[in-house]
């Protein structure tokens, strides 16, 4: 009976190992595709910026069109940076909850010992 149990456990572990290996491969492929999509999106963003500059240059000098687009992009980046900074400052450090829990646990242990 013990031998059958250990054989069963080994078989289940091998099955779990095979399933995990397949899952890791799939996740790796997915991550690679996700990374490639990010790179292509960056190229697309650059092409869009070039399109906007070329479109504006039909009404303005090329240097002025490029300057306007650059200023707008930096303004958007600044607003996003300030919003991100505000969110980070508002976030409580994750260890605060842990500190409270540990203090509560210590108090409970001390109370139980008394």
N, C-alpha and C. Protein backbone atom coordinates (compact mmCIF):
# COMPACT_ATOMS: atom_id res chain seq x y z
N UNK A 1 0.82 -1.19 0.00
CA UNK A 1 0.00 0.00 0.00
C UNK A 1 0.87 1.26 0.00
N UNK A 2 1.94 1.25 0.81
CA UNK A 2 2.84 2.40 0.88
C UNK A 2 3.52 2.63 -0.46
N UNK A 3 3.92 1.53 -1.11
CA UNK A 3 4.57 1.65 -2.41
C UNK A 3 3.62 2.23 -3.45
N UNK A 4 2.37 1.79 -3.42
CA UNK A 4 1.37 2.32 -4.35
C UNK A 4 1.14 3.81 -4.10
N UNK A 5 1.10 4.18 -2.83
CA UNK A 5 0.89 5.59 -2.49
C UNK A 5 2.05 6.44 -2.98
N UNK A 6 3.28 5.97 -2.75
CA UNK A 6 4.43 6.75 -3.19
C UNK A 6 4.50 6.80 -4.71
N UNK A 7 4.12 5.73 -5.40
CA UNK A 7 4.07 5.74 -6.86
C UNK A 7 3.03 6.73 -7.35
N UNK A 8 1.89 6.75 -6.70
CA UNK A 8 0.83 7.69 -7.06
C UNK A 8 1.28 9.12 -6.85
N UNK A 9 1.93 9.38 -5.73
CA UNK A 9 2.42 10.73 -5.43
C UNK A 9 3.46 11.15 -6.46
N UNK A 10 4.39 10.23 -6.80
CA UNK A 10 5.40 10.55 -7.81
C UNK A 10 4.76 10.84 -9.16
N UNK A 11 3.77 10.05 -9.53
CA UNK A 11 3.08 10.26 -10.81
C UNK A 11 2.39 11.61 -10.83
N UNK A 12 1.73 11.95 -9.74
CA UNK A 12 1.05 13.24 -9.66
C UNK A 12 2.05 14.39 -9.72
N UNK A 13 3.20 14.21 -9.08
CA UNK A 13 4.23 15.25 -9.11
C UNK A 13 4.78 15.43 -10.51
N UNK A 14 4.99 14.33 -11.23
CA UNK A 14 5.46 14.41 -12.61
C UNK A 14 4.44 15.11 -13.50
N UNK A 15 3.17 14.79 -13.30
CA UNK A 15 2.11 15.44 -14.07
C UNK A 15 2.09 16.94 -13.77
N UNK A 16 2.17 17.29 -12.50
CA UNK A 16 2.17 18.70 -12.12
C UNK A 16 3.38 19.41 -12.72
N UNK A 17 4.54 18.76 -12.69
CA UNK A 17 5.76 19.33 -13.26
C UNK A 17 5.59 19.59 -14.75
N UNK A 18 5.03 18.62 -15.47
CA UNK A 18 4.81 18.77 -16.91
C UNK A 18 3.83 19.91 -17.19
N UNK A 19 2.77 19.99 -16.40
CA UNK A 19 1.79 21.06 -16.60
C UNK A 19 2.40 22.42 -16.32
N UNK A 20 3.21 22.52 -15.28
CA UNK A 20 3.85 23.79 -14.94
C UNK A 20 4.83 24.20 -16.02
N UNK A 21 5.60 23.23 -16.55
CA UNK A 21 6.55 23.55 -17.62
C UNK A 21 5.82 24.09 -18.84
N UNK A 22 4.69 23.49 -19.19
CA UNK A 22 3.93 23.96 -20.34
C UNK A 22 3.38 25.35 -20.07
N UNK A 23 2.90 25.58 -18.86
CA UNK A 23 2.36 26.90 -18.51
C UNK A 23 3.45 27.95 -18.59
N UNK A 24 4.64 27.63 -18.09
CA UNK A 24 5.75 28.58 -18.13
C UNK A 24 6.13 28.90 -19.57
N UNK A 25 6.14 27.89 -20.44
CA UNK A 25 6.43 28.13 -21.85
C UNK A 25 5.40 29.05 -22.47
N UNK A 26 4.12 28.80 -22.17
CA UNK A 26 3.06 29.63 -22.72
C UNK A 26 3.16 31.07 -22.22
N UNK A 27 3.46 31.22 -20.93
CA UNK A 27 3.61 32.56 -20.36
C UNK A 27 4.79 33.27 -21.01
N UNK A 28 5.88 32.55 -21.22
CA UNK A 28 7.05 33.14 -21.87
C UNK A 28 6.74 33.62 -23.28
N UNK A 29 6.03 32.79 -24.03
CA UNK A 29 5.64 33.20 -25.38
C UNK A 29 4.74 34.43 -25.33
N UNK A 30 3.79 34.41 -24.42
CA UNK A 30 2.87 35.55 -24.28
C UNK A 30 3.61 36.82 -23.90
N UNK A 31 4.57 36.70 -22.99
CA UNK A 31 5.35 37.87 -22.57
C UNK A 31 6.17 38.40 -23.74
N UNK A 32 6.73 37.52 -24.54
CA UNK A 32 7.48 37.95 -25.72
C UNK A 32 6.61 38.70 -26.71
N UNK A 33 5.42 38.17 -26.95
CA UNK A 33 4.50 38.85 -27.86
C UNK A 33 4.06 40.20 -27.29
N UNK A 34 3.84 40.24 -25.97
CA UNK A 34 3.45 41.49 -25.33
C UNK A 34 4.56 42.53 -25.46
N UNK A 35 5.81 42.10 -25.27
CA UNK A 35 6.94 43.01 -25.43
C UNK A 35 7.05 43.51 -26.86
N UNK A 36 6.86 42.62 -27.82
CA UNK A 36 6.92 43.02 -29.23
C UNK A 36 5.82 44.03 -29.54
N UNK A 37 4.64 43.83 -28.97
CA UNK A 37 3.55 44.78 -29.23
C UNK A 37 3.89 46.14 -28.65
N UNK A 38 4.58 46.17 -27.50
CA UNK A 38 4.99 47.45 -26.92
C UNK A 38 5.98 48.18 -27.80
N UNK A 39 6.95 47.45 -28.35
CA UNK A 39 7.93 48.07 -29.25
C UNK A 39 7.24 48.61 -30.49
N UNK A 40 6.35 47.82 -31.07
CA UNK A 40 5.63 48.28 -32.26
C UNK A 40 4.75 49.48 -31.95
N UNK A 41 4.15 49.51 -30.76
CA UNK A 41 3.34 50.66 -30.36
C UNK A 41 4.20 51.92 -30.25
N UNK A 42 5.43 51.77 -29.74
CA UNK A 42 6.33 52.92 -29.68
C UNK A 42 6.66 53.44 -31.08
N UNK A 43 6.93 52.53 -32.00
CA UNK A 43 7.18 52.95 -33.38
C UNK A 43 5.94 53.64 -33.96
N UNK A 44 4.77 53.09 -33.66
CA UNK A 44 3.53 53.70 -34.13
C UNK A 44 3.34 55.09 -33.55
N UNK A 45 3.69 55.26 -32.28
CA UNK A 45 3.59 56.59 -31.66
C UNK A 45 4.53 57.58 -32.34
N UNK A 46 5.73 57.13 -32.65
CA UNK A 46 6.68 57.99 -33.36
C UNK A 46 6.17 58.37 -34.74
N UNK A 47 5.57 57.40 -35.43
CA UNK A 47 5.01 57.69 -36.75
C UNK A 47 3.85 58.67 -36.64
N UNK A 48 3.04 58.54 -35.59
CA UNK A 48 1.93 59.47 -35.39
C UNK A 48 2.44 60.88 -35.13
N UNK A 49 3.49 61.00 -34.33
CA UNK A 49 4.08 62.32 -34.07
C UNK A 49 4.60 62.92 -35.37
N UNK A 50 5.27 62.11 -36.18
CA UNK A 50 5.76 62.60 -37.47
C UNK A 50 4.60 63.04 -38.36
N UNK A 51 3.50 62.29 -38.33
CA UNK A 51 2.33 62.64 -39.13
C UNK A 51 1.75 63.98 -38.69
N UNK A 52 1.66 64.19 -37.39
CA UNK A 52 1.13 65.46 -36.87
C UNK A 52 2.04 66.61 -37.28
N UNK A 53 3.35 66.42 -37.15
CA UNK A 53 4.29 67.47 -37.54
C UNK A 53 4.16 67.79 -39.02
N UNK A 54 4.09 66.75 -39.85
CA UNK A 54 3.96 66.98 -41.29
C UNK A 54 2.63 67.66 -41.62
N UNK A 55 1.58 67.27 -40.91
CA UNK A 55 0.28 67.91 -41.13
C UNK A 55 0.31 69.38 -40.76
N UNK A 56 0.91 69.70 -39.63
CA UNK A 56 1.01 71.10 -39.22
C UNK A 56 1.93 71.89 -40.15
N UNK A 57 2.92 71.22 -40.72
CA UNK A 57 3.87 71.93 -41.58
C UNK A 57 3.25 72.38 -42.90
N UNK A 58 2.03 71.91 -43.19
CA UNK A 58 1.34 72.44 -44.38
C UNK A 58 0.83 73.85 -44.12
N UNK A 59 0.65 74.20 -42.83
CA UNK A 59 0.17 75.53 -42.47
C UNK A 59 1.28 76.40 -41.88
N UNK A 60 2.29 75.77 -41.30
CA UNK A 60 3.37 76.48 -40.61
C UNK A 60 4.71 76.03 -41.17
N UNK A 61 5.77 76.75 -40.79
CA UNK A 61 7.11 76.28 -41.13
C UNK A 61 7.36 74.96 -40.41
N UNK A 62 8.18 74.11 -41.00
CA UNK A 62 8.45 72.79 -40.43
C UNK A 62 9.02 72.86 -39.03
N UNK A 63 9.97 73.77 -38.79
CA UNK A 63 10.57 73.88 -37.46
C UNK A 63 9.54 74.30 -36.42
N UNK A 64 8.61 75.17 -36.81
CA UNK A 64 7.59 75.63 -35.87
C UNK A 64 6.60 74.50 -35.56
N UNK A 65 6.24 73.73 -36.57
CA UNK A 65 5.34 72.59 -36.36
C UNK A 65 5.99 71.59 -35.41
N UNK A 66 7.28 71.30 -35.62
CA UNK A 66 7.98 70.36 -34.75
C UNK A 66 8.08 70.91 -33.33
N UNK A 67 8.33 72.21 -33.20
CA UNK A 67 8.42 72.83 -31.88
C UNK A 67 7.09 72.75 -31.14
N UNK A 68 6.00 73.03 -31.82
CA UNK A 68 4.68 72.98 -31.20
C UNK A 68 4.38 71.56 -30.71
N UNK A 69 4.63 70.57 -31.54
CA UNK A 69 4.37 69.18 -31.16
C UNK A 69 5.25 68.79 -29.98
N UNK A 70 6.51 69.21 -29.98
CA UNK A 70 7.42 68.90 -28.88
C UNK A 70 6.94 69.51 -27.58
N UNK A 71 6.52 70.78 -27.62
CA UNK A 71 6.04 71.45 -26.41
C UNK A 71 4.79 70.75 -25.88
N UNK A 72 3.88 70.39 -26.77
CA UNK A 72 2.65 69.69 -26.34
C UNK A 72 3.00 68.35 -25.70
N UNK A 73 3.91 67.60 -26.31
CA UNK A 73 4.29 66.30 -25.75
C UNK A 73 4.95 66.45 -24.37
N UNK A 74 5.82 67.45 -24.23
CA UNK A 74 6.44 67.67 -22.92
C UNK A 74 5.42 68.13 -21.88
N UNK A 75 4.44 68.91 -22.29
CA UNK A 75 3.39 69.34 -21.36
C UNK A 75 2.58 68.13 -20.88
N UNK A 76 2.22 67.25 -21.80
CA UNK A 76 1.48 66.03 -21.43
C UNK A 76 2.33 65.17 -20.50
N UNK A 77 3.62 65.04 -20.81
CA UNK A 77 4.52 64.25 -19.96
C UNK A 77 4.62 64.86 -18.56
N UNK A 78 4.67 66.19 -18.48
CA UNK A 78 4.73 66.85 -17.18
C UNK A 78 3.49 66.62 -16.35
N UNK A 79 2.32 66.72 -16.99
CA UNK A 79 1.05 66.48 -16.28
C UNK A 79 1.00 65.03 -15.79
N UNK A 80 1.40 64.10 -16.64
CA UNK A 80 1.40 62.69 -16.24
C UNK A 80 2.38 62.45 -15.09
N UNK A 81 3.55 63.09 -15.13
CA UNK A 81 4.53 62.92 -14.06
C UNK A 81 3.99 63.47 -12.74
N UNK A 82 3.35 64.63 -12.78
CA UNK A 82 2.78 65.20 -11.56
C UNK A 82 1.66 64.33 -11.00
N UNK A 83 0.83 63.79 -11.89
CA UNK A 83 -0.25 62.90 -11.44
C UNK A 83 0.33 61.63 -10.82
N UNK A 84 1.37 61.08 -11.43
CA UNK A 84 2.02 59.90 -10.89
C UNK A 84 2.67 60.17 -9.55
N UNK A 85 3.32 61.32 -9.43
CA UNK A 85 3.95 61.70 -8.16
C UNK A 85 2.91 61.82 -7.06
N UNK A 86 1.77 62.41 -7.38
CA UNK A 86 0.70 62.58 -6.39
C UNK A 86 0.19 61.21 -5.93
N UNK A 87 0.00 60.29 -6.87
CA UNK A 87 -0.48 58.95 -6.52
C UNK A 87 0.53 58.22 -5.64
N UNK A 88 1.81 58.35 -5.95
CA UNK A 88 2.85 57.67 -5.17
C UNK A 88 2.90 58.24 -3.76
N UNK A 89 2.76 59.56 -3.64
CA UNK A 89 2.80 60.18 -2.31
C UNK A 89 1.58 59.79 -1.48
N UNK A 90 0.44 59.56 -2.14
CA UNK A 90 -0.77 59.19 -1.42
C UNK A 90 -0.75 57.74 -0.96
N UNK A 91 0.03 56.93 -1.62
CA UNK A 91 0.07 55.50 -1.29
C UNK A 91 0.75 55.30 0.06
N UNK A 92 0.12 54.51 0.90
CA UNK A 92 0.73 54.18 2.19
C UNK A 92 1.78 53.11 1.98
N UNK A 93 2.87 53.18 2.72
CA UNK A 93 3.87 52.11 2.59
C UNK A 93 3.24 50.76 2.93
N UNK A 94 3.52 49.73 2.15
CA UNK A 94 2.88 48.44 2.37
C UNK A 94 3.22 47.81 3.71
N UNK A 95 4.32 48.22 4.33
CA UNK A 95 4.70 47.60 5.59
C UNK A 95 3.87 48.11 6.76
N UNK A 96 3.12 49.19 6.59
CA UNK A 96 2.31 49.71 7.69
C UNK A 96 1.28 48.68 8.15
N UNK A 97 0.62 48.06 7.22
CA UNK A 97 -0.38 47.04 7.58
C UNK A 97 0.29 45.87 8.28
N UNK A 98 1.46 45.49 7.82
CA UNK A 98 2.20 44.39 8.45
C UNK A 98 2.60 44.77 9.87
N UNK A 99 3.06 46.00 10.06
CA UNK A 99 3.43 46.45 11.41
C UNK A 99 2.24 46.37 12.35
N UNK A 100 1.09 46.82 11.88
CA UNK A 100 -0.12 46.77 12.71
C UNK A 100 -0.47 45.33 13.06
N UNK A 101 -0.41 44.45 12.07
CA UNK A 101 -0.75 43.04 12.31
C UNK A 101 0.22 42.39 13.30
N UNK A 102 1.51 42.67 13.16
CA UNK A 102 2.51 42.09 14.06
C UNK A 102 2.29 42.62 15.48
N UNK A 103 2.03 43.91 15.60
CA UNK A 103 1.79 44.49 16.93
C UNK A 103 0.55 43.85 17.56
N UNK A 104 -0.49 43.64 16.76
CA UNK A 104 -1.71 43.01 17.27
C UNK A 104 -1.43 41.57 17.69
N UNK A 105 -0.64 40.85 16.88
CA UNK A 105 -0.30 39.46 17.21
C UNK A 105 0.52 39.39 18.51
N UNK A 106 1.48 40.30 18.65
CA UNK A 106 2.30 40.31 19.87
C UNK A 106 1.42 40.58 21.09
N UNK A 107 0.51 41.54 20.95
CA UNK A 107 -0.39 41.86 22.06
C UNK A 107 -1.26 40.65 22.41
N UNK A 108 -1.73 39.93 21.40
CA UNK A 108 -2.57 38.76 21.64
C UNK A 108 -1.78 37.66 22.34
N UNK A 109 -0.52 37.47 21.95
CA UNK A 109 0.32 36.45 22.58
C UNK A 109 0.59 36.82 24.03
N UNK A 110 0.90 38.11 24.27
CA UNK A 110 1.15 38.55 25.65
C UNK A 110 -0.09 38.36 26.51
N UNK A 111 -1.24 38.68 25.94
CA UNK A 111 -2.49 38.54 26.68
C UNK A 111 -2.77 37.07 26.99
N UNK A 112 -2.48 36.20 26.04
CA UNK A 112 -2.72 34.77 26.24
C UNK A 112 -1.78 34.19 27.30
N UNK A 113 -0.57 34.74 27.41
CA UNK A 113 0.41 34.25 28.38
C UNK A 113 0.07 34.70 29.79
N UNK A 114 -0.70 35.79 29.92
CA UNK A 114 -1.00 36.29 31.27
C UNK A 114 -2.13 35.54 31.92
